[in-house]
């Protein structure tokens, strides 16, 4: 199992970023996927989740209405569109495959003016 995140970087408050997580080594379309984040000195928290077919999504209250999780099973990729970014969104963002329990290496998102 391999998960490779990309798309992180520096954004201004109110800005947007789109994270991608490319998956390989397993049947991507058969598993739910999640995005987590971990800020310095804080525990890792669940940000968003999506079912294997992409029909059902769930979000943490702190990102609801601003972030959107989606997936393209033909490309073995899950996305996290992040809009209206806030400084408190600063963290390392990780993708995670349910049931298999595997993590990516993470991508840093920094929101600052």
PDB file of N, CA and C in Angstrom:
ATOM      1  N   UNK A   1       0.838  -1.185   0.000  1.00  0.00           N
ATOM      2  CA  UNK A   1       0.000   0.000   0.000  1.00  0.00           C
ATOM      3  C   UNK A   1       0.879   1.243   0.000  1.00  0.00           C
ATOM      4  N   UNK A   2       0.584   2.151  -0.907  1.00  0.00           N
ATOM      5  CA  UNK A   2       1.316   3.413  -0.950  1.00  0.00           C
ATOM      6  C   UNK A   2       0.333   4.551  -1.151  1.00  0.00           C
ATOM      7  N   UNK A   3       0.491   5.584  -0.326  1.00  0.00           N
ATOM      8  CA  UNK A   3      -0.317   6.787  -0.428  1.00  0.00           C
ATOM      9  C   UNK A   3       0.636   7.972  -0.508  1.00  0.00           C
ATOM     10  N   UNK A   4       0.488   8.794  -1.525  1.00  0.00           N
ATOM     11  CA  UNK A   4       1.381   9.924  -1.722  1.00  0.00           C
ATOM     12  C   UNK A   4       0.558  11.204  -1.824  1.00  0.00           C
ATOM     13  N   UNK A   5       0.682  12.056  -0.802  1.00  0.00           N
ATOM     14  CA  UNK A   5      -0.033  13.333  -0.793  1.00  0.00           C
ATOM     15  C   UNK A   5       0.764  14.401  -1.524  1.00  0.00           C
ATOM     16  N   UNK A   6       0.053  15.347  -2.077  1.00  0.00           N
ATOM     17  CA  UNK A   6       0.667  16.504  -2.716  1.00  0.00           C
ATOM     18  C   UNK A   6      -0.320  17.658  -2.685  1.00  0.00           C
ATOM     19  N   UNK A   7       0.189  18.844  -3.018  1.00  0.00           N
ATOM     20  CA  UNK A   7      -0.676  20.011  -3.123  1.00  0.00           C
ATOM     21  C   UNK A   7      -0.627  20.961  -1.949  1.00  0.00           C
ATOM     22  N   UNK A   8       0.112  20.615  -0.917  1.00  0.00           N
ATOM     23  CA  UNK A   8       0.238  21.519   0.213  1.00  0.00           C
ATOM     24  C   UNK A   8       1.102  22.717  -0.129  1.00  0.00           C
ATOM     25  N   UNK A   9       1.164  23.637   0.803  1.00  0.00           N
ATOM     26  CA  UNK A   9       1.973  24.827   0.591  1.00  0.00           C
ATOM     27  C   UNK A   9       1.497  25.959   1.460  1.00  0.00           C
ATOM     28  N   UNK A  10       1.873  27.156   1.063  1.00  0.00           N
ATOM     29  CA  UNK A  10       1.521  28.365   1.806  1.00  0.00           C
ATOM     30  C   UNK A  10       0.326  29.036   1.142  1.00  0.00           C
ATOM     31  N   UNK A  11      -0.675  29.376   1.925  1.00  0.00           N
ATOM     32  CA  UNK A  11      -1.844  30.086   1.426  1.00  0.00           C
ATOM     33  C   UNK A  11      -2.171  31.233   2.368  1.00  0.00           C
ATOM     34  N   UNK A  12      -2.761  32.266   1.823  1.00  0.00           N
ATOM     35  CA  UNK A  12      -3.206  33.388   2.638  1.00  0.00           C
ATOM     36  C   UNK A  12      -4.568  33.073   3.253  1.00  0.00           C
ATOM     37  N   UNK A  13      -4.875  33.675   4.373  1.00  0.00           N
ATOM     38  CA  UNK A  13      -6.224  33.518   4.926  1.00  0.00           C
ATOM     39  C   UNK A  13      -7.271  33.883   3.885  1.00  0.00           C
ATOM     40  N   UNK A  14      -8.288  33.039   3.776  1.00  0.00           N
ATOM     41  CA  UNK A  14      -9.303  33.236   2.764  1.00  0.00           C
ATOM     42  C   UNK A  14      -8.989  32.566   1.442  1.00  0.00           C
ATOM     43  N   UNK A  15      -7.782  32.058   1.306  1.00  0.00           N
ATOM     44  CA  UNK A  15      -7.364  31.419   0.076  1.00  0.00           C
ATOM     45  C   UNK A  15      -7.792  29.971  -0.026  1.00  0.00           C
ATOM     46  N   UNK A  16      -7.302  29.318  -1.069  1.00  0.00           N
ATOM     47  CA  UNK A  16      -7.680  27.928  -1.344  1.00  0.00           C
ATOM     48  C   UNK A  16      -6.454  27.094  -1.684  1.00  0.00           C
ATOM     49  N   UNK A  17      -6.566  25.835  -1.386  1.00  0.00           N
ATOM     50  CA  UNK A  17      -5.595  24.826  -1.807  1.00  0.00           C
ATOM     51  C   UNK A  17      -6.349  23.547  -2.119  1.00  0.00           C
ATOM     52  N   UNK A  18      -5.779  22.753  -3.009  1.00  0.00           N
ATOM     53  CA  UNK A  18      -6.361  21.438  -3.317  1.00  0.00           C
ATOM     54  C   UNK A  18      -5.309  20.372  -3.080  1.00  0.00           C
ATOM     55  N   UNK A  19      -5.584  19.499  -2.139  1.00  0.00           N
ATOM     56  CA  UNK A  19      -4.693  18.389  -1.853  1.00  0.00           C
ATOM     57  C   UNK A  19      -5.098  17.175  -2.665  1.00  0.00           C
ATOM     58  N   UNK A  20      -4.101  16.396  -3.048  1.00  0.00           N
ATOM     59  CA  UNK A  20      -4.331  15.143  -3.747  1.00  0.00           C
ATOM     60  C   UNK A  20      -3.620  14.021  -3.003  1.00  0.00           C
ATOM     61  N   UNK A  21      -4.178  12.832  -3.091  1.00  0.00           N
ATOM     62  CA  UNK A  21      -3.543  11.645  -2.513  1.00  0.00           C
ATOM     63  C   UNK A  21      -3.640  10.534  -3.549  1.00  0.00           C
ATOM     64  N   UNK A  22      -2.493  10.186  -4.116  1.00  0.00           N
ATOM     65  CA  UNK A  22      -2.438   9.121  -5.122  1.00  0.00           C
ATOM     66  C   UNK A  22      -2.188   7.790  -4.422  1.00  0.00           C
ATOM     67  N   UNK A  23      -3.042   6.829  -4.704  1.00  0.00           N
ATOM     68  CA  UNK A  23      -2.977   5.533  -4.033  1.00  0.00           C
ATOM     69  C   UNK A  23      -2.530   4.440  -4.985  1.00  0.00           C
ATOM     70  N   UNK A  24      -1.831   3.467  -4.445  1.00  0.00           N
ATOM     71  CA  UNK A  24      -1.420   2.311  -5.224  1.00  0.00           C
ATOM     72  C   UNK A  24      -1.209   1.120  -4.295  1.00  0.00           C
ATOM     73  N   UNK A  25      -1.190  -0.059  -4.889  1.00  0.00           N
ATOM     74  CA  UNK A  25      -0.913  -1.252  -4.106  1.00  0.00           C
ATOM     75  C   UNK A  25      -2.133  -1.934  -3.525  1.00  0.00           C
ATOM     76  N   UNK A  26      -3.304  -1.417  -3.813  1.00  0.00           N
ATOM     77  CA  UNK A  26      -4.535  -2.038  -3.355  1.00  0.00           C
ATOM     78  C   UNK A  26      -5.670  -1.612  -4.286  1.00  0.00           C
ATOM     79  N   UNK A  27      -6.810  -2.250  -4.144  1.00  0.00           N
ATOM     80  CA  UNK A  27      -7.959  -1.935  -4.995  1.00  0.00           C
ATOM     81  C   UNK A  27      -8.656  -0.699  -4.440  1.00  0.00           C
ATOM     82  N   UNK A  28      -8.235   0.432  -4.944  1.00  0.00           N
ATOM     83  CA  UNK A  28      -8.651   1.734  -4.406  1.00  0.00           C
ATOM     84  C   UNK A  28     -10.165   1.866  -4.316  1.00  0.00           C
ATOM     85  N   UNK A  29     -10.861   1.405  -5.333  1.00  0.00           N
ATOM     86  CA  UNK A  29     -12.312   1.604  -5.386  1.00  0.00           C
ATOM     87  C   UNK A  29     -13.071   0.797  -4.334  1.00  0.00           C
ATOM     88  N   UNK A  30     -12.373  -0.073  -3.642  1.00  0.00           N
ATOM     89  CA  UNK A  30     -13.024  -0.901  -2.641  1.00  0.00           C
ATOM     90  C   UNK A  30     -12.939  -0.383  -1.217  1.00  0.00           C
ATOM     91  N   UNK A  31     -12.316   0.778  -1.031  1.00  0.00           N
ATOM     92  CA  UNK A  31     -12.053   1.253   0.330  1.00  0.00           C
ATOM     93  C   UNK A  31     -12.467   2.702   0.519  1.00  0.00           C
ATOM     94  N   UNK A  32     -13.004   2.959   1.700  1.00  0.00           N
ATOM     95  CA  UNK A  32     -13.221   4.332   2.086  1.00  0.00           C
ATOM     96  C   UNK A  32     -11.899   5.020   2.353  1.00  0.00           C
ATOM     97  N   UNK A  33     -11.897   6.325   2.225  1.00  0.00           N
ATOM     98  CA  UNK A  33     -10.684   7.117   2.408  1.00  0.00           C
ATOM     99  C   UNK A  33     -10.974   8.281   3.351  1.00  0.00           C
ATOM    100  N   UNK A  34      -9.940   8.721   4.030  1.00  0.00           N
ATOM    101  CA  UNK A  34     -10.070   9.832   4.969  1.00  0.00           C
ATOM    102  C   UNK A  34      -8.891  10.791   4.828  1.00  0.00           C
ATOM    103  N   UNK A  35      -9.135  12.019   5.202  1.00  0.00           N
ATOM    104  CA  UNK A  35      -8.078  13.002   5.398  1.00  0.00           C
ATOM    105  C   UNK A  35      -8.027  13.338   6.890  1.00  0.00           C
ATOM    106  N   UNK A  36      -6.826  13.347   7.436  1.00  0.00           N
ATOM    107  CA  UNK A  36      -6.572  13.782   8.793  1.00  0.00           C
ATOM    108  C   UNK A  36      -5.598  14.959   8.748  1.00  0.00           C
ATOM    109  N   UNK A  37      -5.499  15.634   9.865  1.00  0.00           N
ATOM    110  CA  UNK A  37      -4.471  16.673   9.984  1.00  0.00           C
ATOM    111  C   UNK A  37      -3.932  16.686  11.400  1.00  0.00           C
ATOM    112  N   UNK A  38      -2.695  17.164  11.501  1.00  0.00           N
ATOM    113  CA  UNK A  38      -2.057  17.298  12.811  1.00  0.00           C
ATOM    114  C   UNK A  38      -1.293  18.607  12.867  1.00  0.00           C
ATOM    115  N   UNK A  39      -1.720  19.453  13.772  1.00  0.00           N
ATOM    116  CA  UNK A  39      -1.047  20.724  14.002  1.00  0.00           C
ATOM    117  C   UNK A  39       0.023  20.527  15.078  1.00  0.00           C
ATOM    118  N   UNK A  40       1.031  21.402  15.101  1.00  0.00           N
ATOM    119  CA  UNK A  40       2.094  21.270  16.114  1.00  0.00           C
ATOM    120  C   UNK A  40       1.527  21.251  17.524  1.00  0.00           C
ATOM    121  N   UNK A  41       1.946  20.255  18.295  1.00  0.00           N
ATOM    122  CA  UNK A  41       1.512  20.159  19.675  1.00  0.00           C
ATOM    123  C   UNK A  41       0.106  19.640  19.885  1.00  0.00           C
ATOM    124  N   UNK A  42      -0.536  19.234  18.803  1.00  0.00           N
ATOM    125  CA  UNK A  42      -1.915  18.741  18.909  1.00  0.00           C
ATOM    126  C   UNK A  42      -2.020  17.316  18.397  1.00  0.00           C
ATOM    127  N   UNK A  43      -3.094  16.653  18.778  1.00  0.00           N
ATOM    128  CA  UNK A  43      -3.333  15.304  18.302  1.00  0.00           C
ATOM    129  C   UNK A  43      -3.835  15.324  16.859  1.00  0.00           C
ATOM    130  N   UNK A  44      -3.609  14.223  16.183  1.00  0.00           N
ATOM    131  CA  UNK A  44      -4.107  14.093  14.819  1.00  0.00           C
ATOM    132  C   UNK A  44      -5.634  14.029  14.866  1.00  0.00           C
ATOM    133  N   UNK A  45      -6.283  14.781  13.969  1.00  0.00           N
ATOM    134  CA  UNK A  45      -7.738  14.817  13.963  1.00  0.00           C
ATOM    135  C   UNK A  45      -8.286  14.493  12.584  1.00  0.00           C
ATOM    136  N   UNK A  46      -9.456  13.870  12.578  1.00  0.00           N
ATOM    137  CA  UNK A  46     -10.134  13.553  11.333  1.00  0.00           C
ATOM    138  C   UNK A  46     -10.733  14.817  10.736  1.00  0.00           C
ATOM    139  N   UNK A  47     -10.464  15.032   9.469  1.00  0.00           N
ATOM    140  CA  UNK A  47     -10.962  16.206   8.767  1.00  0.00           C
ATOM    141  C   UNK A  47     -12.163  15.857   7.894  1.00  0.00           C
ATOM    142  N   UNK A  48     -12.019  14.799   7.096  1.00  0.00           N
ATOM    143  CA  UNK A  48     -13.075  14.434   6.160  1.00  0.00           C
ATOM    144  C   UNK A  48     -12.957  12.961   5.799  1.00  0.00           C
ATOM    145  N   UNK A  49     -14.080  12.372   5.419  1.00  0.00           N
ATOM    146  CA  UNK A  49     -14.108  10.965   5.036  1.00  0.00           C
ATOM    147  C   UNK A  49     -15.037  10.784   3.851  1.00  0.00           C
ATOM    148  N   UNK A  50     -14.760   9.765   3.053  1.00  0.00           N
ATOM    149  CA  UNK A  50     -15.579   9.476   1.884  1.00  0.00           C
ATOM    150  C   UNK A  50     -15.673   7.957   1.721  1.00  0.00           C
ATOM    151  N   UNK A  51     -16.860   7.491   1.353  1.00  0.00           N
ATOM    152  CA  UNK A  51     -17.044   6.061   1.146  1.00  0.00           C
ATOM    153  C   UNK A  51     -16.373   5.610  -0.153  1.00  0.00           C
ATOM    154  N   UNK A  52     -16.310   4.305  -0.324  1.00  0.00           N
ATOM    155  CA  UNK A  52     -15.587   3.744  -1.477  1.00  0.00           C
ATOM    156  C   UNK A  52     -16.166   4.201  -2.815  1.00  0.00           C
ATOM    157  N   UNK A  53     -17.484   4.394  -2.854  1.00  0.00           N
ATOM    158  CA  UNK A  53     -18.106   4.811  -4.117  1.00  0.00           C
ATOM    159  C   UNK A  53     -18.280   6.325  -4.208  1.00  0.00           C
ATOM    160  N   UNK A  54     -17.838   7.023  -3.187  1.00  0.00           N
ATOM    161  CA  UNK A  54     -17.902   8.481  -3.213  1.00  0.00           C
ATOM    162  C   UNK A  54     -19.261   9.085  -2.915  1.00  0.00           C
ATOM    163  N   UNK A  55     -20.215   8.241  -2.568  1.00  0.00           N
ATOM    164  CA  UNK A  55     -21.577   8.744  -2.390  1.00  0.00           C
ATOM    165  C   UNK A  55     -21.754   9.473  -1.056  1.00  0.00           C
ATOM    166  N   UNK A  56     -21.108   8.973  -0.013  1.00  0.00           N
ATOM    167  CA  UNK A  56     -21.292   9.536   1.324  1.00  0.00           C
ATOM    168  C   UNK A  56     -20.007  10.200   1.789  1.00  0.00           C
ATOM    169  N   UNK A  57     -20.144  11.419   2.290  1.00  0.00           N
ATOM    170  CA  UNK A  57     -19.008  12.153   2.830  1.00  0.00           C
ATOM    171  C   UNK A  57     -19.355  12.667   4.228  1.00  0.00           C
ATOM    172  N   UNK A  58     -18.322  12.854   5.041  1.00  0.00           N
ATOM    173  CA  UNK A  58     -18.483  13.416   6.372  1.00  0.00           C
ATOM    174  C   UNK A  58     -17.342  14.376   6.652  1.00  0.00           C
ATOM    175  N   UNK A  59     -17.642  15.384   7.471  1.00  0.00           N
ATOM    176  CA  UNK A  59     -16.651  16.423   7.752  1.00  0.00           C
ATOM    177  C   UNK A  59     -16.617  16.761   9.236  1.00  0.00           C
ATOM    178  N   UNK A  60     -15.451  17.170   9.675  1.00  0.00           N
ATOM    179  CA  UNK A  60     -15.344  17.747  11.008  1.00  0.00           C
ATOM    180  C   UNK A  60     -16.100  19.071  11.019  1.00  0.00           C
ATOM    181  N   UNK A  61     -16.674  19.406  12.146  1.00  0.00           N
ATOM    182  CA  UNK A  61     -17.438  20.655  12.240  1.00  0.00           C
ATOM    183  C   UNK A  61     -16.586  21.864  11.880  1.00  0.00           C
ATOM    184  N   UNK A  62     -15.306  21.787  12.182  1.00  0.00           N
ATOM    185  CA  UNK A  62     -14.424  22.939  11.970  1.00  0.00           C
ATOM    186  C   UNK A  62     -14.178  23.244  10.493  1.00  0.00           C
ATOM    187  N   UNK A  63     -14.458  22.293   9.609  1.00  0.00           N
ATOM    188  CA  UNK A  63     -14.196  22.519   8.178  1.00  0.00           C
ATOM    189  C   UNK A  63     -15.462  22.430   7.335  1.00  0.00           C
ATOM    190  N   UNK A  64     -16.575  22.080   7.965  1.00  0.00           N
ATOM    191  CA  UNK A  64     -17.814  21.901   7.225  1.00  0.00           C
ATOM    192  C   UNK A  64     -18.190  23.195   6.497  1.00  0.00           C
ATOM    193  N   UNK A  65     -18.534  23.058   5.224  1.00  0.00           N
ATOM    194  CA  UNK A  65     -18.894  24.222   4.412  1.00  0.00           C
ATOM    195  C   UNK A  65     -17.705  24.892   3.743  1.00  0.00           C
ATOM    196  N   UNK A  66     -16.483  24.505   4.141  1.00  0.00           N
ATOM    197  CA  UNK A  66     -15.280  25.103   3.547  1.00  0.00           C
ATOM    198  C   UNK A  66     -14.460  24.074   2.771  1.00  0.00           C
ATOM    199  N   UNK A  67     -14.432  22.844   3.261  1.00  0.00           N
ATOM    200  CA  UNK A  67     -13.634  21.786   2.625  1.00  0.00           C
ATOM    201  C   UNK A  67     -14.557  20.799   1.923  1.00  0.00           C
ATOM    202  N   UNK A  68     -14.049  20.219   0.846  1.00  0.00           N
ATOM    203  CA  UNK A  68     -14.795  19.198   0.112  1.00  0.00           C
ATOM    204  C   UNK A  68     -13.875  18.027  -0.211  1.00  0.00           C
ATOM    205  N   UNK A  69     -14.288  16.836   0.197  1.00  0.00           N
ATOM    206  CA  UNK A  69     -13.544  15.631  -0.142  1.00  0.00           C
ATOM    207  C   UNK A  69     -14.199  14.987  -1.359  1.00  0.00           C
ATOM    208  N   UNK A  70     -13.376  14.488  -2.255  1.00  0.00           N
ATOM    209  CA  UNK A  70     -13.889  13.802  -3.437  1.00  0.00           C
ATOM    210  C   UNK A  70     -12.884  12.746  -3.858  1.00  0.00           C
ATOM    211  N   UNK A  71     -13.261  11.918  -4.791  1.00  0.00           N
ATOM    212  CA  UNK A  71     -12.352  10.876  -5.263  1.00  0.00           C
ATOM    213  C   UNK A  71     -12.628  10.582  -6.722  1.00  0.00           C
ATOM    214  N   UNK A  72     -11.572  10.098  -7.382  1.00  0.00           N
ATOM    215  CA  UNK A  72     -11.673   9.641  -8.764  1.00  0.00           C
ATOM    216  C   UNK A  72     -11.141   8.217  -8.786  1.00  0.00           C
ATOM    217  N   UNK A  73     -12.033   7.258  -8.792  1.00  0.00           N
ATOM    218  CA  UNK A  73     -11.603   5.865  -8.716  1.00  0.00           C
ATOM    219  C   UNK A  73     -10.864   5.408  -9.976  1.00  0.00           C
ATOM    220  N   UNK A  74     -11.093   6.093 -11.080  1.00  0.00           N
ATOM    221  CA  UNK A  74     -10.361   5.760 -12.303  1.00  0.00           C
ATOM    222  C   UNK A  74      -8.894   6.187 -12.198  1.00  0.00           C
ATOM    223  N   UNK A  75      -8.637   7.197 -11.372  1.00  0.00           N
ATOM    224  CA  UNK A  75      -7.270   7.702 -11.208  1.00  0.00           C
ATOM    225  C   UNK A  75      -6.651   7.278  -9.875  1.00  0.00           C
ATOM    226  N   UNK A  76      -7.390   6.492  -9.091  1.00  0.00           N
ATOM    227  CA  UNK A  76      -6.898   6.044  -7.776  1.00  0.00           C
ATOM    228  C   UNK A  76      -6.437   7.227  -6.918  1.00  0.00           C
ATOM    229  N   UNK A  77      -7.234   8.258  -6.900  1.00  0.00           N
ATOM    230  CA  UNK A  77      -6.847   9.488  -6.220  1.00  0.00           C
ATOM    231  C   UNK A  77      -8.017  10.037  -5.410  1.00  0.00           C
ATOM    232  N   UNK A  78      -7.700  10.512  -4.212  1.00  0.00           N
ATOM    233  CA  UNK A  78      -8.669  11.219  -3.382  1.00  0.00           C
ATOM    234  C   UNK A  78      -8.182  12.656  -3.218  1.00  0.00           C
ATOM    235  N   UNK A  79      -9.123  13.573  -3.172  1.00  0.00           N
ATOM    236  CA  UNK A  79      -8.817  15.006  -3.134  1.00  0.00           C
ATOM    237  C   UNK A  79      -9.413  15.663  -1.893  1.00  0.00           C
ATOM    238  N   UNK A  80      -8.829  16.765  -1.517  1.00  0.00           N
ATOM    239  CA  UNK A  80      -9.410  17.622  -0.489  1.00  0.00           C
ATOM    240  C   UNK A  80      -9.310  19.059  -0.978  1.00  0.00           C
ATOM    241  N   UNK A  81     -10.440  19.604  -1.391  1.00  0.00           N
ATOM    242  CA  UNK A  81     -10.503  21.005  -1.797  1.00  0.00           C
ATOM    243  C   UNK A  81     -10.743  21.849  -0.558  1.00  0.00           C
ATOM    244  N   UNK A  82      -9.840  22.767  -0.291  1.00  0.00           N
ATOM    245  CA  UNK A  82      -9.907  23.580   0.915  1.00  0.00           C
ATOM    246  C   UNK A  82     -10.081  25.039   0.516  1.00  0.00           C
ATOM    247  N   UNK A  83     -11.222  25.598   0.865  1.00  0.00           N
ATOM    248  CA  UNK A  83     -11.529  27.004   0.569  1.00  0.00           C
ATOM    249  C   UNK A  83     -11.658  27.795   1.861  1.00  0.00           C
ATOM    250  N   UNK A  84     -11.645  29.095   1.729  1.00  0.00           N
ATOM    251  CA  UNK A  84     -11.786  29.991   2.885  1.00  0.00           C
ATOM    252  C   UNK A  84     -10.853  29.576   4.019  1.00  0.00           C
ATOM    253  N   UNK A  85      -9.615  29.354   3.679  1.00  0.00           N
ATOM    254  CA  UNK A  85      -8.650  28.854   4.649  1.00  0.00           C
ATOM    255  C   UNK A  85      -8.432  29.851   5.780  1.00  0.00           C
ATOM    256  N   UNK A  86      -8.193  29.276   6.964  1.00  0.00           N
ATOM    257  CA  UNK A  86      -7.951  30.054   8.169  1.00  0.00           C
ATOM    258  C   UNK A  86      -6.584  29.674   8.741  1.00  0.00           C
ATOM    259  N   UNK A  87      -5.972  30.554   9.522  1.00  0.00           N
ATOM    260  CA  UNK A  87      -4.682  30.200  10.132  1.00  0.00           C
ATOM    261  C   UNK A  87      -4.754  28.909  10.951  1.00  0.00           C
ATOM    262  N   UNK A  88      -5.887  28.652  11.558  1.00  0.00           N
ATOM    263  CA  UNK A  88      -6.020  27.433  12.360  1.00  0.00           C
ATOM    264  C   UNK A  88      -6.105  26.162  11.519  1.00  0.00           C
ATOM    265  N   UNK A  89      -6.151  26.298  10.198  1.00  0.00           N
ATOM    266  CA  UNK A  89      -6.078  25.124   9.323  1.00  0.00           C
ATOM    267  C   UNK A  89      -4.636  24.676   9.098  1.00  0.00           C
ATOM    268  N   UNK A  90      -3.675  25.453   9.587  1.00  0.00           N
ATOM    269  CA  UNK A  90      -2.272  25.104   9.445  1.00  0.00           C
ATOM    270  C   UNK A  90      -1.983  23.778  10.133  1.00  0.00           C
ATOM    271  N   UNK A  91      -1.431  22.830   9.373  1.00  0.00           N
ATOM    272  CA  UNK A  91      -1.180  21.490   9.892  1.00  0.00           C
ATOM    273  C   UNK A  91      -0.514  20.665   8.796  1.00  0.00           C
ATOM    274  N   UNK A  92      -0.058  19.486   9.179  1.00  0.00           N
ATOM    275  CA  UNK A  92       0.324  18.479   8.202  1.00  0.00           C
ATOM    276  C   UNK A  92      -0.919  17.647   7.920  1.00  0.00           C
ATOM    277  N   UNK A  93      -1.236  17.498   6.653  1.00  0.00           N
ATOM    278  CA  UNK A  93      -2.427  16.771   6.238  1.00  0.00           C
ATOM    279  C   UNK A  93      -2.028  15.389   5.701  1.00  0.00           C
ATOM    280  N   UNK A  94      -2.743  14.379   6.183  1.00  0.00           N
ATOM    281  CA  UNK A  94      -2.457  12.994   5.829  1.00  0.00           C
ATOM    282  C   UNK A  94      -3.688  12.338   5.208  1.00  0.00           C
ATOM    283  N   UNK A  95      -3.471  11.497   4.226  1.00  0.00           N
ATOM    284  CA  UNK A  95      -4.571  10.658   3.782  1.00  0.00           C
ATOM    285  C   UNK A  95      -4.409   9.271   4.394  1.00  0.00           C
ATOM    286  N   UNK A  96      -5.532   8.580   4.482  1.00  0.00           N
ATOM    287  CA  UNK A  96      -5.611   7.327   5.223  1.00  0.00           C
ATOM    288  C   UNK A  96      -6.616   6.427   4.530  1.00  0.00           C
ATOM    289  N   UNK A  97      -6.280   5.152   4.419  1.00  0.00           N
ATOM    290  CA  UNK A  97      -7.207   4.201   3.819  1.00  0.00           C
ATOM    291  C   UNK A  97      -7.810   3.358   4.934  1.00  0.00           C
ATOM    292  N   UNK A  98      -9.120   3.370   5.002  1.00  0.00           N
ATOM    293  CA  UNK A  98      -9.811   2.628   6.053  1.00  0.00           C
ATOM    294  C   UNK A  98      -9.598   1.124   5.876  1.00  0.00           C
ATOM    295  N   UNK A  99      -9.765   0.393   6.954  1.00  0.00           N
ATOM    296  CA  UNK A  99      -9.627  -1.060   7.026  1.00  0.00           C
ATOM    297  C   UNK A  99      -8.173  -1.505   6.869  1.00  0.00           C
ATOM    298  N   UNK A 100      -7.447  -0.944   5.896  1.00  0.00           N
ATOM    299  CA  UNK A 100      -6.041  -1.300   5.740  1.00  0.00           C
ATOM    300  C   UNK A 100      -5.167  -0.572   6.742  1.00  0.00           C
ATOM    301  N   UNK A 101      -5.648   0.594   7.196  1.00  0.00           N
ATOM    302  CA  UNK A 101      -4.927   1.322   8.222  1.00  0.00           C
ATOM    303  C   UNK A 101      -3.598   1.899   7.794  1.00  0.00           C
ATOM    304  N   UNK A 102      -3.499   2.291   6.537  1.00  0.00           N
ATOM    305  CA  UNK A 102      -2.238   2.836   6.036  1.00  0.00           C
ATOM    306  C   UNK A 102      -2.302   4.341   5.889  1.00  0.00           C
ATOM    307  N   UNK A 103      -1.155   4.981   6.114  1.00  0.00           N
ATOM    308  CA  UNK A 103      -1.039   6.434   6.065  1.00  0.00           C
ATOM    309  C   UNK A 103      -0.084   6.868   4.970  1.00  0.00           C
ATOM    310  N   UNK A 104      -0.328   8.082   4.452  1.00  0.00           N
ATOM    311  CA  UNK A 104       0.641   8.711   3.590  1.00  0.00           C
ATOM    312  C   UNK A 104       1.693   9.416   4.429  1.00  0.00           C
ATOM    313  N   UNK A 105       2.631  10.082   3.751  1.00  0.00           N
ATOM    314  CA  UNK A 105       3.732  10.759   4.465  1.00  0.00           C
ATOM    315  C   UNK A 105       3.344  12.145   4.935  1.00  0.00           C
ATOM    316  N   UNK A 106       2.230  12.651   4.425  1.00  0.00           N
ATOM    317  CA  UNK A 106       1.748  13.966   4.829  1.00  0.00           C
ATOM    318  C   UNK A 106       2.226  15.075   3.929  1.00  0.00           C
ATOM    319  N   UNK A 107       1.444  16.149   3.898  1.00  0.00           N
ATOM    320  CA  UNK A 107       1.812  17.355   3.167  1.00  0.00           C
ATOM    321  C   UNK A 107       1.495  18.560   4.034  1.00  0.00           C
ATOM    322  N   UNK A 108       2.435  19.488   4.102  1.00  0.00           N
ATOM    323  CA  UNK A 108       2.299  20.643   5.001  1.00  0.00           C
ATOM    324  C   UNK A 108       1.399  21.705   4.376  1.00  0.00           C
ATOM    325  N   UNK A 109       0.454  22.168   5.137  1.00  0.00           N
ATOM    326  CA  UNK A 109      -0.380  23.312   4.757  1.00  0.00           C
ATOM    327  C   UNK A 109      -0.164  24.407   5.783  1.00  0.00           C
ATOM    328  N   UNK A 110       0.228  25.569   5.300  1.00  0.00           N
ATOM    329  CA  UNK A 110       0.441  26.725   6.170  1.00  0.00           C
ATOM    330  C   UNK A 110      -0.423  27.877   5.681  1.00  0.00           C
ATOM    331  N   UNK A 111      -1.236  28.397   6.577  1.00  0.00           N
ATOM    332  CA  UNK A 111      -2.117  29.522   6.233  1.00  0.00           C
ATOM    333  C   UNK A 111      -1.650  30.725   7.031  1.00  0.00           C
ATOM    334  N   UNK A 112      -1.130  31.704   6.313  1.00  0.00           N
ATOM    335  CA  UNK A 112      -0.551  32.863   6.972  1.00  0.00           C
ATOM    336  C   UNK A 112      -0.495  34.024   6.001  1.00  0.00           C
ATOM    337  N   UNK A 113      -0.624  35.225   6.548  1.00  0.00           N
ATOM    338  CA  UNK A 113      -0.482  36.405   5.709  1.00  0.00           C
ATOM    339  C   UNK A 113       0.951  36.910   5.746  1.00  0.00           C
TER     340      UNK A 113
END
